[in-house]
């Protein structure tokens, strides 16, 4: 479950500020990757998971015609 209020706050507190919708995109992809068994405890795991996360979000944004850089992850 995702809480829009928390997503809005996290997006504004992120290093690269972004909208609630952008944060919800990140959280959704991040959560699905965890469900698929990915983790980010170790540096190599983090690089793999966040690389996949960025590729998925970038692909979705491109398909939808959304412009600008993808939001940086707020989950570390």
Protein backbone atom coordinates (compact mmCIF):
# COMPACT_ATOMS: atom_id res chain seq x y z
CA UNK A 1 0.00 0.00 0.00
CA UNK A 2 1.15 3.50 -0.76
CA UNK A 3 0.11 6.64 1.10
CA UNK A 4 -0.19 9.70 -1.16
CA UNK A 5 0.50 12.08 1.72
CA UNK A 6 3.75 10.30 2.58
CA UNK A 7 4.71 10.15 -1.10
CA UNK A 8 4.11 13.90 -1.44
CA UNK A 9 6.28 14.62 1.60
CA UNK A 10 9.06 12.27 0.49
CA UNK A 11 9.07 13.81 -2.98
CA UNK A 12 9.53 17.28 -1.51
CA UNK A 13 12.24 16.09 0.89
CA UNK A 14 14.19 14.22 -1.79
CA UNK A 15 17.59 15.45 -2.90
CA UNK A 16 16.06 16.20 -6.29
CA UNK A 17 12.57 17.44 -5.43
CA UNK A 18 9.76 15.83 -7.38
CA UNK A 19 5.98 15.53 -7.42
CA UNK A 20 3.78 13.12 -5.55
CA UNK A 21 3.02 11.32 -8.83
CA UNK A 22 6.72 10.89 -9.55
CA UNK A 23 7.31 9.56 -6.03
CA UNK A 24 4.41 7.13 -6.42
CA UNK A 25 5.98 5.90 -9.67
CA UNK A 26 9.26 5.27 -7.87
CA UNK A 27 7.65 3.60 -4.87
CA UNK A 28 5.52 1.33 -7.06
CA UNK A 29 8.47 0.13 -9.13
CA UNK A 30 10.65 -0.15 -6.02
CA UNK A 31 8.05 -2.27 -4.22
CA UNK A 32 7.51 -4.58 -7.20
CA UNK A 33 11.27 -5.12 -7.48
CA UNK A 34 11.33 -6.13 -3.80
CA UNK A 35 8.44 -8.55 -4.44
CA UNK A 36 10.51 -10.05 -7.26
CA UNK A 37 13.36 -10.67 -4.82
CA UNK A 38 15.62 -7.67 -5.40
CA UNK A 39 17.23 -5.93 -2.45
CA UNK A 40 19.66 -3.08 -1.79
CA UNK A 41 21.49 -4.12 1.37
CA UNK A 42 24.86 -4.53 -0.36
CA UNK A 43 26.43 -2.03 -2.78
CA UNK A 44 26.24 -4.42 -5.75
CA UNK A 45 22.60 -5.24 -4.99
CA UNK A 46 21.80 -1.55 -4.67
CA UNK A 47 23.44 -0.76 -8.01
CA UNK A 48 21.49 -3.53 -9.74
CA UNK A 49 18.14 -2.70 -8.15
CA UNK A 50 18.34 1.06 -8.60
CA UNK A 51 19.58 0.57 -12.17
CA UNK A 52 16.54 -1.55 -12.96
CA UNK A 53 14.28 0.90 -11.16
CA UNK A 54 15.61 3.82 -13.23
CA UNK A 55 15.30 1.87 -16.49
CA UNK A 56 11.70 0.89 -15.76
CA UNK A 57 10.64 4.38 -14.68
CA UNK A 58 12.49 5.99 -17.62
CA UNK A 59 10.85 3.58 -20.07
CA UNK A 60 7.40 4.19 -18.66
CA UNK A 61 7.88 7.96 -18.70
CA UNK A 62 9.13 7.88 -22.31
CA UNK A 63 6.18 5.73 -23.37
CA UNK A 64 3.79 8.23 -21.78
CA UNK A 65 5.57 11.19 -23.38
CA UNK A 66 6.61 12.65 -20.02
CA UNK A 67 9.55 15.00 -20.29
CA UNK A 68 12.39 15.86 -18.00
CA UNK A 69 14.69 13.64 -16.00
CA UNK A 70 13.27 10.81 -13.95
CA UNK A 71 13.11 11.49 -10.24
CA UNK A 72 16.05 10.28 -8.19
CA UNK A 73 15.29 7.50 -5.72
CA UNK A 74 14.31 8.57 -2.23
CA UNK A 75 14.76 5.09 -0.79
CA UNK A 76 18.33 4.17 0.06
